[in-house]
Amino acid sequence: MEDSQSLLEKIEYLRNKMTKVALRKGFTSSESISLSQELDHLLNTYEKSKPTKNRLQKNERALSSNKKSGIRRRR
């Protein structure tokens, strides 16, 4: 999986490219639509890679519970 910085750089590059193409060829041109779909895919990948608040809270509760019960994690 790509690191988030690399993904953000690709997103920014593609966003700029899509804007230029859309202004030059039109927002409904096949190239604009293709770039937009590719950008959507990268944005979805980036969002899925970010830890969510619920996932963080769940991990914190599990760690807290393990500490209270004396369970140690293997390394």
C-alpha atoms as a PDB file:
ATOM      1  CA  MET A   1       0.000   0.000   0.000  1.00  0.00           C
ATOM      2  CA  GLU A   2       1.206   3.472  -0.778  1.00  0.00           C
ATOM      3  CA  ASP A   3       2.105   5.862   1.979  1.00  0.00           C
ATOM      4  CA  SER A   4      -0.324   8.721   2.491  1.00  0.00           C
ATOM      5  CA  GLN A   5       2.137  11.423   1.380  1.00  0.00           C
ATOM      6  CA  SER A   6       2.693   9.732  -1.991  1.00  0.00           C
ATOM      7  CA  LEU A   7      -1.041   9.268  -2.380  1.00  0.00           C
ATOM      8  CA  LEU A   8      -1.713  12.935  -1.598  1.00  0.00           C
ATOM      9  CA  GLU A   9       0.875  13.992  -4.171  1.00  0.00           C
ATOM     10  CA  LYS A  10      -0.800  11.826  -6.829  1.00  0.00           C
ATOM     11  CA  ILE A  11      -4.205  13.234  -5.881  1.00  0.00           C
ATOM     12  CA  GLU A  12      -2.962  16.816  -6.209  1.00  0.00           C
ATOM     13  CA  TYR A  13      -1.277  16.106  -9.545  1.00  0.00           C
ATOM     14  CA  LEU A  14      -4.371  14.402 -10.942  1.00  0.00           C
ATOM     15  CA  ARG A  15      -6.664  17.167  -9.660  1.00  0.00           C
ATOM     16  CA  ASN A  16      -4.596  19.801 -11.472  1.00  0.00           C
ATOM     17  CA  LYS A  17      -4.427  17.727 -14.647  1.00  0.00           C
ATOM     18  CA  MET A  18      -8.171  17.084 -14.609  1.00  0.00           C
ATOM     19  CA  THR A  19      -8.907  20.803 -14.169  1.00  0.00           C
ATOM     20  CA  LYS A  20      -6.694  21.760 -17.099  1.00  0.00           C
ATOM     21  CA  VAL A  21      -8.224  19.092 -19.349  1.00  0.00           C
ATOM     22  CA  ALA A  22     -11.767  20.037 -18.337  1.00  0.00           C
ATOM     23  CA  LEU A  23     -11.168  23.711 -19.082  1.00  0.00           C
ATOM     24  CA  ARG A  24      -9.551  22.912 -22.415  1.00  0.00           C
ATOM     25  CA  LYS A  25     -11.758  20.052 -23.679  1.00  0.00           C
ATOM     26  CA  GLY A  26     -14.906  20.432 -21.618  1.00  0.00           C
ATOM     27  CA  PHE A  27     -16.143  18.938 -18.373  1.00  0.00           C
ATOM     28  CA  THR A  28     -17.990  16.129 -20.140  1.00  0.00           C
ATOM     29  CA  SER A  29     -15.133  15.095 -22.449  1.00  0.00           C
ATOM     30  CA  SER A  30     -14.151  11.453 -22.197  1.00  0.00           C
ATOM     31  CA  GLU A  31     -10.678  12.420 -20.958  1.00  0.00           C
ATOM     32  CA  SER A  32     -12.117  14.646 -18.198  1.00  0.00           C
ATOM     33  CA  ILE A  33     -14.471  11.891 -17.081  1.00  0.00           C
ATOM     34  CA  SER A  34     -11.696   9.298 -17.097  1.00  0.00           C
ATOM     35  CA  LEU A  35      -9.435  11.528 -15.000  1.00  0.00           C
ATOM     36  CA  SER A  36     -12.311  12.266 -12.637  1.00  0.00           C
ATOM     37  CA  GLN A  37     -12.939   8.556 -12.117  1.00  0.00           C
ATOM     38  CA  GLU A  38      -9.253   7.922 -11.490  1.00  0.00           C
ATOM     39  CA  LEU A  39      -9.215  10.791  -8.988  1.00  0.00           C
ATOM     40  CA  ASP A  40     -12.295   9.341  -7.242  1.00  0.00           C
ATOM     41  CA  HIS A  41     -10.493   6.015  -6.884  1.00  0.00           C
ATOM     42  CA  LEU A  42      -7.413   7.668  -5.342  1.00  0.00           C
ATOM     43  CA  LEU A  43      -9.561   9.742  -2.971  1.00  0.00           C
ATOM     44  CA  ASN A  44     -11.449   6.634  -1.842  1.00  0.00           C
ATOM     45  CA  THR A  45      -8.165   4.792  -1.284  1.00  0.00           C
ATOM     46  CA  TYR A  46      -6.841   7.711   0.760  1.00  0.00           C
ATOM     47  CA  GLU A  47     -10.004   7.911   2.895  1.00  0.00           C
ATOM     48  CA  LYS A  48      -9.923   4.170   3.602  1.00  0.00           C
ATOM     49  CA  SER A  49      -6.287   4.392   4.671  1.00  0.00           C
ATOM     50  CA  LYS A  50      -6.971   7.042   7.309  1.00  0.00           C
ATOM     51  CA  PRO A  51      -7.715   5.750  10.797  1.00  0.00           C
ATOM     52  CA  THR A  52     -11.272   6.543  11.780  1.00  0.00           C
ATOM     53  CA  LYS A  53     -12.318   7.942  15.115  1.00  0.00           C
ATOM     54  CA  ASN A  54     -14.305   4.788  15.934  1.00  0.00           C
ATOM     55  CA  ARG A  55     -11.364   2.520  15.076  1.00  0.00           C
ATOM     56  CA  LEU A  56      -9.063   4.591  17.282  1.00  0.00           C
ATOM     57  CA  GLN A  57     -11.532   4.528  20.178  1.00  0.00           C
ATOM     58  CA  LYS A  58     -11.948   0.750  19.818  1.00  0.00           C
ATOM     59  CA  ASN A  59      -8.169   0.255  19.922  1.00  0.00           C
ATOM     60  CA  GLU A  60      -7.870   2.511  22.969  1.00  0.00           C
ATOM     61  CA  ARG A  61     -10.602   0.567  24.802  1.00  0.00           C
ATOM     62  CA  ALA A  62      -8.923  -2.738  23.977  1.00  0.00           C
ATOM     63  CA  LEU A  63      -5.564  -1.497  25.254  1.00  0.00           C
ATOM     64  CA  SER A  64      -7.165  -0.081  28.383  1.00  0.00           C
ATOM     65  CA  SER A  65      -8.999  -3.359  29.013  1.00  0.00           C
ATOM     66  CA  ASN A  66      -5.805  -5.350  28.543  1.00  0.00           C
ATOM     67  CA  LYS A  67      -3.956  -3.160  31.036  1.00  0.00           C
ATOM     68  CA  LYS A  68      -6.722  -3.539  33.637  1.00  0.00           C
ATOM     69  CA  SER A  69      -6.827  -7.320  33.263  1.00  0.00           C
ATOM     70  CA  GLY A  70      -3.051  -7.674  33.246  1.00  0.00           C
ATOM     71  CA  ILE A  71      -2.936  -9.061  29.721  1.00  0.00           C
ATOM     72  CA  ARG A  72       0.250  -8.281  27.894  1.00  0.00           C
ATOM     73  CA  ARG A  73       0.587  -8.161  24.162  1.00  0.00           C
ATOM     74  CA  ARG A  74       3.156 -10.450  22.598  1.00  0.00           C
ATOM     75  CA  ARG A  75       5.827  -8.781  20.529  1.00  0.00           C
END
